[in-house]
Amino acid sequence: MTTLVRHPYLDHPGPIPFAHRGGAADGLENTVAQFRRAVALGYRYIETDVHATADGRLVAFHDATLDRVTDGAGRIADLPWAEVARARVAGREPVPLFEELLETFPEVRWNVDVKAEPALRPLLEVIERRTAFARVCVGSFSEARVVRAQRLAGPRLATSYGTRGVLGLRLRSWGLPAALRRSAVAAQVPVAQSGVPVVDRLFVHAAHARGLQVHVWTINEPERMHRLLDLGVDGIMTDHIDTLRAVMRERGVWF
């Protein structure tokens, strides 16, 4: 595992355990109640997603619509915050504002997937207002969106590669030429994409040679967790937060 820490966000004494949506397997993904459970287990890094409501409020929520996980309906981008606030995840828990999460969990570091362009500026404004640059890493499948975030916020903001950056790093790991953005601090990747392996020793070595950490999502089986840690990855994102904690405690890397 690389020892180079390029941003305060990554200052952690070992592989980073990420609670994916707070631990989505529990059925209360991206809720204060679920984040609280993850924190109680010892998680200090939590992955979440953000969308902006029609009136510009930034919510922690994965889908573009409320329909799948709440008793509400409709596209978040088309709804005012007052209406989104009435929805309940699993019929029980409210949808939180991201700013509320920064305030409620002051020790947590957040890995934030910006799901849509209208959420980008509100996110950066919240981070600025809360002086939370050391606590947030911004990612997106869209490389252009992450690049815009970096240009707007500067080196204070930790960012991961989007899909294009990950492809470039994969090509570099095979010895092929590819342009790579220098400002990223991590590659956050699946084990494979469209049947093409992404995470192997070559990929991890190529990332570490450039001072990048490798965070892998979304890993729920203990055998795969062990295999990835053996490869030297720097972080694992999981829906099954009890399982990842057990694996890392068994290996002596739960901090």
Foldseek 3Di string as FASTA:
>chain_A
DFPFDPALLLPDDFFAEEAEQLQCVVQQGQFPVSVVVLVVVPHQEYEFEWDAACVGFIWTDDDQWPPPFWPDTDGRNDHDPVRQQVIAGNDHTGTDGVLVVCVVRVRHAYEYEYEDLSNLVSVVVSCVVSVPLSRYEYEYLDQVSQVVSCVVPPLSHAYEGHVQQLVQLQCVLVVHHDDHDLSHAEHEEECADPPHGRDDLSSCVSQSVSNHAYEYDEDEDLVVVVVNVVSPHRYYYYSHSVSNQVSCVVVVNRD
